[in-house]
Structure formats: structure tokens, C-alpha cells
Amino acid sequence: MGGIAYFSSKETSFLLLDASELAASANDYSDQNLRVRGFVKAGTLVREGKKARFVLELNERQIPVLFTGETLLPDAFKEGARARVDGRWDKGVLVASHVEAKCASKYEAGYAEGQ
């Protein structure tokens, strides 16, 4: 079970959620700055120039994401990758300004070893 936490940078504060938490209570987070964790669902990544659309999922719950292209997508960002997405929840879509990714296989190996 996940928890809710707030993170703050010089410019913005983010509410930290898992993709499954956001999907379960989406109406509670309208127009808020969110940092959402999950995995990029296979078959959903569509690149549109600097922008991208994909689905972030966790525990069989999914949220659609529109990456605005304000920053570059990381090299490790691909379908199946573990991702952390910063953005605003707007009318059923996470409009993302920043994405971080980690290879899912490396994450799962580290998790299994207790790291």
C-alpha cells in the first residue's frame, strides 16, 4: 500500500502518488502538481516530435499521460520502464513536464535484493 507525501523544489511542490492511487481517486487530484510513479505500459508509447503520449500503470490501474516536451525524455524511457512523472492532473490526463525512468529489470533486481 502506498502513501502520500509532498516534495518541494525551489519552484514547485508535488504530491507523490503511485499510478494506482491516482487512478483510484482521480477526482481528488484535479489541477494539482503531482509526482506519479508506475510503469510505462507496453504498446502505449506514441512519440509526437518532442511530445509523447503513454499510459502509466501499477497494480492493474492505469492513467493516461501527455508529456509536453519541455525537457528531454531520458534514454532509459521506454515501454516497460519504471517511471516517475511530474505534472498536473487535468481532465483525466496527467499533463507531464518532466519524466524520469529506470530500467524495470534493474529496479526489480535491486528490489529483490533489498536495495
PDB file of N, CA and C in Angstrom:
ATOM      1  N   MET A   1       0.845  -1.173   0.000  1.00  0.00           N
ATOM      2  CA  MET A   1       0.000   0.000   0.000  1.00  0.00           C
ATOM      3  C   MET A   1       0.889   1.234   0.000  1.00  0.00           C
ATOM      4  N   GLY A   2       0.561   2.178  -0.827  1.00  0.00           N
ATOM      5  CA  GLY A   2       1.368   3.384  -0.956  1.00  0.00           C
ATOM      6  C   GLY A   2       0.973   4.432   0.051  1.00  0.00           C
ATOM      7  N   GLY A   3       1.777   5.449   0.108  1.00  0.00           N
ATOM      8  CA  GLY A   3       1.493   6.567   0.985  1.00  0.00           C
ATOM      9  C   GLY A   3       1.546   7.854   0.204  1.00  0.00           C
ATOM     10  N   ILE A   4       1.057   8.886   0.798  1.00  0.00           N
ATOM     11  CA  ILE A   4       1.060  10.188   0.155  1.00  0.00           C
ATOM     12  C   ILE A   4       2.103  11.048   0.839  1.00  0.00           C
ATOM     13  N   ALA A   5       2.906  11.717   0.040  1.00  0.00           N
ATOM     14  CA  ALA A   5       3.938  12.599   0.579  1.00  0.00           C
ATOM     15  C   ALA A   5       4.019  13.832  -0.300  1.00  0.00           C
ATOM     16  N   TYR A   6       4.512  14.908   0.269  1.00  0.00           N
ATOM     17  CA  TYR A   6       4.736  16.125  -0.501  1.00  0.00           C
ATOM     18  C   TYR A   6       6.227  16.333  -0.673  1.00  0.00           C
ATOM     19  N   PHE A   7       6.636  16.727  -1.880  1.00  0.00           N
ATOM     20  CA  PHE A   7       8.015  17.067  -2.168  1.00  0.00           C
ATOM     21  C   PHE A   7       8.040  18.481  -2.694  1.00  0.00           C
ATOM     22  N   SER A   8       9.096  19.189  -2.382  1.00  0.00           N
ATOM     23  CA  SER A   8       9.170  20.583  -2.801  1.00  0.00           C
ATOM     24  C   SER A   8      10.526  20.867  -3.421  1.00  0.00           C
ATOM     25  N   SER A   9      10.509  21.611  -4.500  1.00  0.00           N
ATOM     26  CA  SER A   9      11.740  22.120  -5.091  1.00  0.00           C
ATOM     27  C   SER A   9      11.690  23.633  -4.961  1.00  0.00           C
ATOM     28  N   LYS A  10      12.652  24.313  -5.549  1.00  0.00           N
ATOM     29  CA  LYS A  10      12.667  25.772  -5.460  1.00  0.00           C
ATOM     30  C   LYS A  10      11.411  26.382  -6.070  1.00  0.00           C
ATOM     31  N   GLU A  11      10.895  25.767  -7.140  1.00  0.00           N
ATOM     32  CA  GLU A  11       9.766  26.358  -7.842  1.00  0.00           C
ATOM     33  C   GLU A  11       8.419  25.757  -7.475  1.00  0.00           C
ATOM     34  N   THR A  12       8.344  24.454  -7.230  1.00  0.00           N
ATOM     35  CA  THR A  12       7.058  23.780  -7.161  1.00  0.00           C
ATOM     36  C   THR A  12       7.042  22.697  -6.092  1.00  0.00           C
ATOM     37  N   SER A  13       5.891  22.506  -5.470  1.00  0.00           N
ATOM     38  CA  SER A  13       5.664  21.385  -4.562  1.00  0.00           C
ATOM     39  C   SER A  13       4.856  20.329  -5.301  1.00  0.00           C
ATOM     40  N   PHE A  14       5.171  19.057  -5.059  1.00  0.00           N
ATOM     41  CA  PHE A  14       4.485  17.949  -5.703  1.00  0.00           C
ATOM     42  C   PHE A  14       3.915  17.006  -4.655  1.00  0.00           C
ATOM     43  N   LEU A  15       2.759  16.470  -4.927  1.00  0.00           N
ATOM     44  CA  LEU A  15       2.165  15.411  -4.133  1.00  0.00           C
ATOM     45  C   LEU A  15       2.605  14.093  -4.765  1.00  0.00           C
ATOM     46  N   LEU A  16       3.252  13.208  -3.992  1.00  0.00           N
ATOM     47  CA  LEU A  16       3.764  11.939  -4.504  1.00  0.00           C
ATOM     48  C   LEU A  16       2.690  10.863  -4.405  1.00  0.00           C
ATOM     49  N   LEU A  17       2.398  10.232  -5.544  1.00  0.00           N
ATOM     50  CA  LEU A  17       1.394   9.172  -5.614  1.00  0.00           C
ATOM     51  C   LEU A  17       1.889   8.039  -6.498  1.00  0.00           C
ATOM     52  N   ASP A  18       1.361   6.843  -6.276  1.00  0.00           N
ATOM     53  CA  ASP A  18       1.533   5.756  -7.222  1.00  0.00           C
ATOM     54  C   ASP A  18       0.439   5.890  -8.271  1.00  0.00           C
ATOM     55  N   ALA A  19       0.682   5.381  -9.476  1.00  0.00           N
ATOM     56  CA  ALA A  19      -0.320   5.456 -10.543  1.00  0.00           C
ATOM     57  C   ALA A  19      -1.635   4.824 -10.103  1.00  0.00           C
ATOM     58  N   SER A  20      -1.570   3.749  -9.337  1.00  0.00           N
ATOM     59  CA  SER A  20      -2.796   3.086  -8.879  1.00  0.00           C
ATOM     60  C   SER A  20      -3.595   3.968  -7.925  1.00  0.00           C
ATOM     61  N   GLU A  21      -2.918   4.748  -7.085  1.00  0.00           N
ATOM     62  CA  GLU A  21      -3.614   5.664  -6.168  1.00  0.00           C
ATOM     63  C   GLU A  21      -4.322   6.769  -6.934  1.00  0.00           C
ATOM     64  N   LEU A  22      -3.644   7.327  -7.931  1.00  0.00           N
ATOM     65  CA  LEU A  22      -4.255   8.380  -8.729  1.00  0.00           C
ATOM     66  C   LEU A  22      -5.453   7.838  -9.501  1.00  0.00           C
ATOM     67  N   ALA A  23      -5.307   6.673 -10.111  1.00  0.00           N
ATOM     68  CA  ALA A  23      -6.405   6.084 -10.881  1.00  0.00           C
ATOM     69  C   ALA A  23      -7.620   5.802 -10.003  1.00  0.00           C
ATOM     70  N   ALA A  24      -7.385   5.392  -8.760  1.00  0.00           N
ATOM     71  CA  ALA A  24      -8.488   5.051  -7.858  1.00  0.00           C
ATOM     72  C   ALA A  24      -9.250   6.274  -7.366  1.00  0.00           C
ATOM     73  N   SER A  25      -8.593   7.418  -7.273  1.00  0.00           N
ATOM     74  CA  SER A  25      -9.216   8.626  -6.708  1.00  0.00           C
ATOM     75  C   SER A  25      -8.922   9.850  -7.563  1.00  0.00           C
ATOM     76  N   ALA A  26      -9.033   9.713  -8.856  1.00  0.00           N
ATOM     77  CA  ALA A  26      -8.622  10.774  -9.778  1.00  0.00           C
ATOM     78  C   ALA A  26      -9.303  12.109  -9.506  1.00  0.00           C
ATOM     79  N   ASN A  27     -10.565  12.105  -9.158  1.00  0.00           N
ATOM     80  CA  ASN A  27     -11.290  13.364  -8.930  1.00  0.00           C
ATOM     81  C   ASN A  27     -10.735  14.161  -7.760  1.00  0.00           C
ATOM     82  N   ASP A  28     -10.043  13.500  -6.846  1.00  0.00           N
ATOM     83  CA  ASP A  28      -9.475  14.178  -5.672  1.00  0.00           C
ATOM     84  C   ASP A  28      -8.245  15.022  -6.013  1.00  0.00           C
ATOM     85  N   TYR A  29      -7.672  14.845  -7.189  1.00  0.00           N
ATOM     86  CA  TYR A  29      -6.387  15.473  -7.505  1.00  0.00           C
ATOM     87  C   TYR A  29      -6.452  16.455  -8.673  1.00  0.00           C
ATOM     88  N   SER A  30      -7.640  16.900  -9.022  1.00  0.00           N
ATOM     89  CA  SER A  30      -7.809  17.814 -10.150  1.00  0.00           C
ATOM     90  C   SER A  30      -6.975  19.074  -9.975  1.00  0.00           C
ATOM     91  N   ASP A  31      -6.215  19.402 -11.019  1.00  0.00           N
ATOM     92  CA  ASP A  31      -5.420  20.632 -11.088  1.00  0.00           C
ATOM     93  C   ASP A  31      -4.380  20.757  -9.971  1.00  0.00           C
ATOM     94  N   GLN A  32      -3.820  19.619  -9.545  1.00  0.00           N
ATOM     95  CA  GLN A  32      -2.753  19.636  -8.536  1.00  0.00           C
ATOM     96  C   GLN A  32      -1.433  19.223  -9.177  1.00  0.00           C
ATOM     97  N   ASN A  33      -0.325  19.713  -8.609  1.00  0.00           N
ATOM     98  CA  ASN A  33       1.011  19.285  -9.030  1.00  0.00           C
ATOM     99  C   ASN A  33       1.280  17.915  -8.432  1.00  0.00           C
ATOM    100  N   LEU A  34       1.525  16.940  -9.291  1.00  0.00           N
ATOM    101  CA  LEU A  34       1.697  15.564  -8.844  1.00  0.00           C
ATOM    102  C   LEU A  34       3.023  14.995  -9.325  1.00  0.00           C
ATOM    103  N   ARG A  35       3.572  14.103  -8.527  1.00  0.00           N
ATOM    104  CA  ARG A  35       4.720  13.274  -8.910  1.00  0.00           C
ATOM    105  C   ARG A  35       4.196  11.842  -8.814  1.00  0.00           C
ATOM    106  N   VAL A  36       4.063  11.184  -9.961  1.00  0.00           N
ATOM    107  CA  VAL A  36       3.389   9.890 -10.025  1.00  0.00           C
ATOM    108  C   VAL A  36       4.371   8.814 -10.470  1.00  0.00           C
ATOM    109  N   ARG A  37       4.341   7.677  -9.755  1.00  0.00           N
ATOM    110  CA  ARG A  37       5.236   6.554 -10.051  1.00  0.00           C
ATOM    111  C   ARG A  37       4.450   5.390 -10.634  1.00  0.00           C
ATOM    112  N   GLY A  38       5.067   4.687 -11.561  1.00  0.00           N
ATOM    113  CA  GLY A  38       4.460   3.498 -12.141  1.00  0.00           C
ATOM    114  C   GLY A  38       5.350   2.962 -13.250  1.00  0.00           C
ATOM    115  N   PHE A  39       4.775   2.149 -14.111  1.00  0.00           N
ATOM    116  CA  PHE A  39       5.494   1.557 -15.233  1.00  0.00           C
ATOM    117  C   PHE A  39       4.834   1.990 -16.535  1.00  0.00           C
ATOM    118  N   VAL A  40       5.630   2.209 -17.565  1.00  0.00           N
ATOM    119  CA  VAL A  40       5.104   2.580 -18.876  1.00  0.00           C
ATOM    120  C   VAL A  40       4.502   1.323 -19.505  1.00  0.00           C
ATOM    121  N   LYS A  41       3.202   1.358 -19.750  1.00  0.00           N
ATOM    122  CA  LYS A  41       2.500   0.187 -20.273  1.00  0.00           C
ATOM    123  C   LYS A  41       2.942  -0.108 -21.707  1.00  0.00           C
ATOM    124  N   ALA A  42       3.229  -1.376 -21.957  1.00  0.00           N
ATOM    125  CA  ALA A  42       3.638  -1.816 -23.292  1.00  0.00           C
ATOM    126  C   ALA A  42       2.546  -1.512 -24.310  1.00  0.00           C
ATOM    127  N   GLY A  43       2.968  -1.044 -25.482  1.00  0.00           N
ATOM    128  CA  GLY A  43       2.050  -0.775 -26.568  1.00  0.00           C
ATOM    129  C   GLY A  43       1.364   0.578 -26.513  1.00  0.00           C
ATOM    130  N   THR A  44       1.741   1.431 -25.539  1.00  0.00           N
ATOM    131  CA  THR A  44       1.047   2.715 -25.394  1.00  0.00           C
ATOM    132  C   THR A  44       1.893   3.933 -25.735  1.00  0.00           C
ATOM    133  N   LEU A  45       3.190   3.770 -25.903  1.00  0.00           N
ATOM    134  CA  LEU A  45       4.071   4.916 -26.128  1.00  0.00           C
ATOM    135  C   LEU A  45       3.974   5.405 -27.573  1.00  0.00           C
ATOM    136  N   VAL A  46       3.561   6.662 -27.730  1.00  0.00           N
ATOM    137  CA  VAL A  46       3.481   7.303 -29.044  1.00  0.00           C
ATOM    138  C   VAL A  46       4.238   8.616 -28.952  1.00  0.00           C
ATOM    139  N   ARG A  47       5.314   8.731 -29.721  1.00  0.00           N
ATOM    140  CA  ARG A  47       6.102   9.969 -29.734  1.00  0.00           C
ATOM    141  C   ARG A  47       5.568  10.888 -30.825  1.00  0.00           C
ATOM    142  N   GLU A  48       5.435  12.164 -30.473  1.00  0.00           N
ATOM    143  CA  GLU A  48       4.925  13.174 -31.403  1.00  0.00           C
ATOM    144  C   GLU A  48       5.897  14.345 -31.386  1.00  0.00           C
ATOM    145  N   GLY A  49       7.013  14.229 -32.121  1.00  0.00           N
ATOM    146  CA  GLY A  49       8.068  15.237 -32.053  1.00  0.00           C
ATOM    147  C   GLY A  49       8.693  15.207 -30.665  1.00  0.00           C
ATOM    148  N   LYS A  50       8.724  16.351 -29.982  1.00  0.00           N
ATOM    149  CA  LYS A  50       9.257  16.404 -28.617  1.00  0.00           C
ATOM    150  C   LYS A  50       8.249  15.894 -27.599  1.00  0.00           C
ATOM    151  N   LYS A  51       6.987  15.823 -27.988  1.00  0.00           N
ATOM    152  CA  LYS A  51       5.929  15.371 -27.084  1.00  0.00           C
ATOM    153  C   LYS A  51       5.787  13.860 -27.153  1.00  0.00           C
ATOM    154  N   ALA A  52       5.113  13.297 -26.144  1.00  0.00           N
ATOM    155  CA  ALA A  52       4.838  11.862 -26.142  1.00  0.00           C
ATOM    156  C   ALA A  52       3.555  11.597 -25.360  1.00  0.00           C
ATOM    157  N   ARG A  53       2.872  10.549 -25.766  1.00  0.00           N
ATOM    158  CA  ARG A  53       1.701  10.059 -25.033  1.00  0.00           C
ATOM    159  C   ARG A  53       2.003   8.626 -24.618  1.00  0.00           C
ATOM    160  N   PHE A  54       1.575   8.262 -23.413  1.00  0.00           N
ATOM    161  CA  PHE A  54       1.744   6.898 -22.933  1.00  0.00           C
ATOM    162  C   PHE A  54       0.812   6.670 -21.756  1.00  0.00           C
ATOM    163  N   VAL A  55       0.744   5.430 -21.319  1.00  0.00           N
ATOM    164  CA  VAL A  55      -0.056   5.071 -20.152  1.00  0.00           C
ATOM    165  C   VAL A  55       0.892   4.620 -19.057  1.00  0.00           C
ATOM    166  N   LEU A  56       0.694   5.162 -17.869  1.00  0.00           N
ATOM    167  CA  LEU A  56       1.449   4.767 -16.683  1.00  0.00           C
ATOM    168  C   LEU A  56       0.553   3.829 -15.893  1.00  0.00           C
ATOM    169  N   GLU A  57       1.094   2.683 -15.465  1.00  0.00           N
ATOM    170  CA  GLU A  57       0.256   1.715 -14.759  1.00  0.00           C
ATOM    171  C   GLU A  57       0.966   1.140 -13.543  1.00  0.00           C
ATOM    172  N   LEU A  58       0.140   0.691 -12.603  1.00  0.00           N
ATOM    173  CA  LEU A  58       0.621  -0.007 -11.418  1.00  0.00           C
ATOM    174  C   LEU A  58      -0.566  -0.752 -10.830  1.00  0.00           C
ATOM    175  N   ASN A  59      -0.348  -2.003 -10.449  1.00  0.00           N
ATOM    176  CA  ASN A  59      -1.395  -2.829  -9.852  1.00  0.00           C
ATOM    177  C   ASN A  59      -2.658  -2.869 -10.710  1.00  0.00           C
ATOM    178  N   GLU A  60      -2.462  -3.011 -12.026  1.00  0.00           N
ATOM    179  CA  GLU A  60      -3.549  -3.129 -13.000  1.00  0.00           C
ATOM    180  C   GLU A  60      -4.424  -1.882 -13.113  1.00  0.00           C
ATOM    181  N   ARG A  61      -3.989  -0.768 -12.563  1.00  0.00           N
ATOM    182  CA  ARG A  61      -4.693   0.506 -12.716  1.00  0.00           C
ATOM    183  C   ARG A  61      -3.838   1.404 -13.589  1.00  0.00           C
ATOM    184  N   GLN A  62      -4.493   2.212 -14.417  1.00  0.00           N
ATOM    185  CA  GLN A  62      -3.780   2.966 -15.439  1.00  0.00           C
ATOM    186  C   GLN A  62      -4.199   4.430 -15.466  1.00  0.00           C
ATOM    187  N   ILE A  63      -3.248   5.275 -15.866  1.00  0.00           N
ATOM    188  CA  ILE A  63      -3.550   6.691 -16.101  1.00  0.00           C
ATOM    189  C   ILE A  63      -2.896   7.123 -17.417  1.00  0.00           C
ATOM    190  N   PRO A  64      -3.606   7.915 -18.218  1.00  0.00           N
ATOM    191  CA  PRO A  64      -3.015   8.440 -19.443  1.00  0.00           C
ATOM    192  C   PRO A  64      -2.111   9.625 -19.136  1.00  0.00           C
ATOM    193  N   VAL A  65      -1.012   9.723 -19.891  1.00  0.00           N
ATOM    194  CA  VAL A  65      -0.038  10.797 -19.692  1.00  0.00           C
ATOM    195  C   VAL A  65       0.228  11.480 -21.034  1.00  0.00           C
ATOM    196  N   LEU A  66       0.284  12.795 -21.001  1.00  0.00           N
ATOM    197  CA  LEU A  66       0.739  13.598 -22.139  1.00  0.00           C
ATOM    198  C   LEU A  66       1.986  14.327 -21.682  1.00  0.00           C
ATOM    199  N   PHE A  67       3.132  13.960 -22.256  1.00  0.00           N
ATOM    200  CA  PHE A  67       4.399  14.621 -21.947  1.00  0.00           C
ATOM    201  C   PHE A  67       4.545  15.802 -22.885  1.00  0.00           C
ATOM    202  N   THR A  68       4.732  16.995 -22.330  1.00  0.00           N
ATOM    203  CA  THR A  68       4.712  18.238 -23.099  1.00  0.00           C
ATOM    204  C   THR A  68       6.003  18.549 -23.843  1.00  0.00           C
ATOM    205  N   GLY A  69       7.083  17.844 -23.548  1.00  0.00           N
ATOM    206  CA  GLY A  69       8.333  18.067 -24.262  1.00  0.00           C
ATOM    207  C   GLY A  69       9.136  19.251 -23.778  1.00  0.00           C
ATOM    208  N   GLU A  70       8.830  19.743 -22.569  1.00  0.00           N
ATOM    209  CA  GLU A  70       9.595  20.872 -22.012  1.00  0.00           C
ATOM    210  C   GLU A  70      11.027  20.473 -21.687  1.00  0.00           C
ATOM    211  N   THR A  71      11.230  19.204 -21.372  1.00  0.00           N
ATOM    212  CA  THR A  71      12.560  18.646 -21.145  1.00  0.00           C
ATOM    213  C   THR A  71      12.697  17.438 -22.069  1.00  0.00           C
ATOM    214  N   LEU A  72      13.871  16.847 -22.142  1.00  0.00           N
ATOM    215  CA  LEU A  72      14.070  15.660 -22.965  1.00  0.00           C
ATOM    216  C   LEU A  72      13.640  14.414 -22.206  1.00  0.00           C
ATOM    217  N   LEU A  73      13.102  13.447 -22.925  1.00  0.00           N
ATOM    218  CA  LEU A  73      12.834  12.151 -22.306  1.00  0.00           C
ATOM    219  C   LEU A  73      14.169  11.456 -22.059  1.00  0.00           C
ATOM    220  N   PRO A  74      14.329  10.795 -20.923  1.00  0.00           N
ATOM    221  CA  PRO A  74      15.598  10.116 -20.639  1.00  0.00           C
ATOM    222  C   PRO A  74      15.820   8.917 -21.560  1.00  0.00           C
ATOM    223  N   ASP A  75      17.080   8.536 -21.748  1.00  0.00           N
ATOM    224  CA  ASP A  75      17.422   7.398 -22.600  1.00  0.00           C
ATOM    225  C   ASP A  75      16.756   6.109 -22.124  1.00  0.00           C
ATOM    226  N   ALA A  76      16.621   5.936 -20.814  1.00  0.00           N
ATOM    227  CA  ALA A  76      16.038   4.712 -20.260  1.00  0.00           C
ATOM    228  C   ALA A  76      14.514   4.667 -20.394  1.00  0.00           C
ATOM    229  N   PHE A  77      13.908   5.741 -20.890  1.00  0.00           N
ATOM    230  CA  PHE A  77      12.453   5.785 -21.009  1.00  0.00           C
ATOM    231  C   PHE A  77      12.003   4.955 -22.203  1.00  0.00           C
ATOM    232  N   LYS A  78      11.239   3.912 -21.930  1.00  0.00           N
ATOM    233  CA  LYS A  78      10.707   3.029 -22.970  1.00  0.00           C
ATOM    234  C   LYS A  78       9.559   2.237 -22.367  1.00  0.00           C
ATOM    235  N   GLU A  79       8.851   1.513 -23.193  1.00  0.00           N
ATOM    236  CA  GLU A  79       7.758   0.693 -22.701  1.00  0.00           C
ATOM    237  C   GLU A  79       8.295  -0.337 -21.716  1.00  0.00           C
ATOM    238  N   GLY A  80       7.600  -0.508 -20.601  1.00  0.00           N
ATOM    239  CA  GLY A  80       8.014  -1.433 -19.560  1.00  0.00           C
ATOM    240  C   GLY A  80       8.918  -0.820 -18.511  1.00  0.00           C
ATOM    241  N   ALA A  81       9.432   0.382 -18.762  1.00  0.00           N
ATOM    242  CA  ALA A  81      10.341   1.035 -17.816  1.00  0.00           C
ATOM    243  C   ALA A  81       9.578   1.564 -16.608  1.00  0.00           C
ATOM    244  N   ARG A  82      10.241   1.548 -15.472  1.00  0.00           N
ATOM    245  CA  ARG A  82       9.708   2.195 -14.278  1.00  0.00           C
ATOM    246  C   ARG A  82       9.914   3.694 -14.475  1.00  0.00           C
ATOM    247  N   ALA A  83       8.871   4.480 -14.220  1.00  0.00           N
ATOM    248  CA  ALA A  83       8.968   5.915 -14.478  1.00  0.00           C
ATOM    249  C   ALA A  83       8.399   6.725 -13.322  1.00  0.00           C
ATOM    250  N   ARG A  84       8.926   7.932 -13.188  1.00  0.00           N
ATOM    251  CA  ARG A  84       8.385   8.931 -12.262  1.00  0.00           C
ATOM    252  C   ARG A  84       8.073  10.160 -13.100  1.00  0.00           C
ATOM    253  N   VAL A  85       6.830  10.605 -13.016  1.00  0.00           N
ATOM    254  CA  VAL A  85       6.341  11.663 -13.891  1.00  0.00           C
ATOM    255  C   VAL A  85       5.852  12.834 -13.051  1.00  0.00           C
ATOM    256  N   ASP A  86       6.340  14.035 -13.346  1.00  0.00           N
ATOM    257  CA  ASP A  86       5.880  15.262 -12.687  1.00  0.00           C
ATOM    258  C   ASP A  86       4.935  15.994 -13.625  1.00  0.00           C
ATOM    259  N   GLY A  87       3.772  16.372 -13.105  1.00  0.00           N
ATOM    260  CA  GLY A  87       2.829  17.104 -13.938  1.00  0.00           C
ATOM    261  C   GLY A  87       1.588  17.508 -13.172  1.00  0.00           C
ATOM    262  N   ARG A  88       0.565  17.919 -13.920  1.00  0.00           N
ATOM    263  CA  ARG A  88      -0.716  18.341 -13.354  1.00  0.00           C
ATOM    264  C   ARG A  88      -1.814  17.435 -13.885  1.00  0.00           C
ATOM    265  N   TRP A  89      -2.725  17.041 -12.996  1.00  0.00           N
ATOM    266  CA  TRP A  89      -3.866  16.224 -13.380  1.00  0.00           C
ATOM    267  C   TRP A  89      -4.924  17.155 -13.960  1.00  0.00           C
ATOM    268  N   ASP A  90      -5.227  16.989 -15.250  1.00  0.00           N
ATOM    269  CA  ASP A  90      -6.133  17.901 -15.941  1.00  0.00           C
ATOM    270  C   ASP A  90      -7.136  17.120 -16.786  1.00  0.00           C
ATOM    271  N   LYS A  91      -8.378  17.083 -16.342  1.00  0.00           N
ATOM    272  CA  LYS A  91      -9.476  16.459 -17.092  1.00  0.00           C
ATOM    273  C   LYS A  91      -9.163  15.019 -17.484  1.00  0.00           C
ATOM    274  N   GLY A  92      -8.648  14.248 -16.542  1.00  0.00           N
ATOM    275  CA  GLY A  92      -8.406  12.834 -16.773  1.00  0.00           C
ATOM    276  C   GLY A  92      -7.094  12.479 -17.429  1.00  0.00           C
ATOM    277  N   VAL A  93      -6.197  13.460 -17.560  1.00  0.00           N
ATOM    278  CA  VAL A  93      -4.879  13.216 -18.161  1.00  0.00           C
ATOM    279  C   VAL A  93      -3.812  13.865 -17.292  1.00  0.00           C
ATOM    280  N   LEU A  94      -2.714  13.153 -17.057  1.00  0.00           N
ATOM    281  CA  LEU A  94      -1.572  13.747 -16.372  1.00  0.00           C
ATOM    282  C   LEU A  94      -0.745  14.477 -17.429  1.00  0.00           C
ATOM    283  N   VAL A  95      -0.760  15.807 -17.381  1.00  0.00           N
ATOM    284  CA  VAL A  95      -0.004  16.632 -18.324  1.00  0.00           C
ATOM    285  C   VAL A  95       1.377  16.827 -17.712  1.00  0.00           C
ATOM    286  N   ALA A  96       2.362  16.121 -18.262  1.00  0.00           N
ATOM    287  CA  ALA A  96       3.679  15.990 -17.641  1.00  0.00           C
ATOM    288  C   ALA A  96       4.700  16.942 -18.234  1.00  0.00           C
ATOM    289  N   SER A  97       5.455  17.582 -17.358  1.00  0.00           N
ATOM    290  CA  SER A  97       6.535  18.468 -17.781  1.00  0.00           C
ATOM    291  C   SER A  97       7.906  17.833 -17.588  1.00  0.00           C
ATOM    292  N   HIS A  98       7.980  16.757 -16.790  1.00  0.00           N
ATOM    293  CA  HIS A  98       9.268  16.115 -16.502  1.00  0.00           C
ATOM    294  C   HIS A  98       9.041  14.621 -16.300  1.00  0.00           C
ATOM    295  N   VAL A  99       9.932  13.811 -16.869  1.00  0.00           N
ATOM    296  CA  VAL A  99       9.850  12.357 -16.745  1.00  0.00           C
ATOM    297  C   VAL A  99      11.225  11.821 -16.377  1.00  0.00           C
ATOM    298  N   GLU A 100      11.268  10.916 -15.409  1.00  0.00           N
ATOM    299  CA  GLU A 100      12.488  10.169 -15.086  1.00  0.00           C
ATOM    300  C   GLU A 100      12.175   8.697 -15.260  1.00  0.00           C
ATOM    301  N   ALA A 101      13.166   7.916 -15.684  1.00  0.00           N
ATOM    302  CA  ALA A 101      12.934   6.496 -15.931  1.00  0.00           C
ATOM    303  C   ALA A 101      14.106   5.669 -15.454  1.00  0.00           C
ATOM    304  N   LYS A 102      13.797   4.426 -15.121  1.00  0.00           N
ATOM    305  CA  LYS A 102      14.808   3.468 -14.717  1.00  0.00           C
ATOM    306  C   LYS A 102      14.439   2.146 -15.358  1.00  0.00           C
ATOM    307  N   CYS A 103      15.410   1.424 -15.837  1.00  0.00           N
ATOM    308  CA  CYS A 103      15.157   0.131 -16.458  1.00  0.00           C
ATOM    309  C   CYS A 103      14.434  -0.766 -15.468  1.00  0.00           C
ATOM    310  N   ALA A 104      13.301  -1.311 -15.855  1.00  0.00           N
ATOM    311  CA  ALA A 104      12.480  -2.120 -14.955  1.00  0.00           C
ATOM    312  C   ALA A 104      13.233  -3.339 -14.441  1.00  0.00           C
ATOM    313  N   SER A 105      14.023  -3.997 -15.280  1.00  0.00           N
ATOM    314  CA  SER A 105      14.725  -5.198 -14.846  1.00  0.00           C
ATOM    315  C   SER A 105      15.751  -4.876 -13.770  1.00  0.00           C
ATOM    316  N   LYS A 106      16.442  -3.740 -13.870  1.00  0.00           N
ATOM    317  CA  LYS A 106      17.405  -3.341 -12.842  1.00  0.00           C
ATOM    318  C   LYS A 106      16.686  -2.993 -11.545  1.00  0.00           C
ATOM    319  N   TYR A 107      15.544  -2.313 -11.653  1.00  0.00           N
ATOM    320  CA  TYR A 107      14.782  -1.945 -10.463  1.00  0.00           C
ATOM    321  C   TYR A 107      14.308  -3.195  -9.736  1.00  0.00           C
ATOM    322  N   GLU A 108      13.745  -4.148 -10.487  1.00  0.00           N
ATOM    323  CA  GLU A 108      13.224  -5.354  -9.868  1.00  0.00           C
ATOM    324  C   GLU A 108      14.335  -6.166  -9.225  1.00  0.00           C
ATOM    325  N   ALA A 109      15.522  -6.228  -9.838  1.00  0.00           N
ATOM    326  CA  ALA A 109      16.644  -6.958  -9.252  1.00  0.00           C
ATOM    327  C   ALA A 109      17.075  -6.300  -7.950  1.00  0.00           C
ATOM    328  N   GLY A 110      17.193  -4.980  -7.932  1.00  0.00           N
ATOM    329  CA  GLY A 110      17.564  -4.265  -6.719  1.00  0.00           C
ATOM    330  C   GLY A 110      16.523  -4.414  -5.635  1.00  0.00           C
ATOM    331  N   TYR A 111      15.262  -4.408  -6.017  1.00  0.00           N
ATOM    332  CA  TYR A 111      14.169  -4.552  -5.056  1.00  0.00           C
ATOM    333  C   TYR A 111      14.216  -5.937  -4.422  1.00  0.00           C
ATOM    334  N   ALA A 112      14.471  -6.965  -5.238  1.00  0.00           N
ATOM    335  CA  ALA A 112      14.526  -8.330  -4.726  1.00  0.00           C
ATOM    336  C   ALA A 112      15.687  -8.515  -3.759  1.00  0.00           C
ATOM    337  N   GLU A 113      16.763  -7.750  -3.957  1.00  0.00           N
ATOM    338  CA  GLU A 113      17.928  -7.861  -3.091  1.00  0.00           C
ATOM    339  C   GLU A 113      17.822  -6.963  -1.870  1.00  0.00           C
ATOM    340  N   GLY A 114      16.731  -6.208  -1.767  1.00  0.00           N
ATOM    341  CA  GLY A 114      16.545  -5.333  -0.614  1.00  0.00           C
ATOM    342  C   GLY A 114      17.216  -3.991  -0.743  1.00  0.00           C
ATOM    343  N   GLN A 115      17.601  -3.585  -1.960  1.00  0.00           N
ATOM    344  CA  GLN A 115      18.271  -2.298  -2.169  1.00  0.00           C
ATOM    345  C   GLN A 115      17.284  -1.220  -2.482  1.00  0.00           C
TER     346      GLN A 115
END
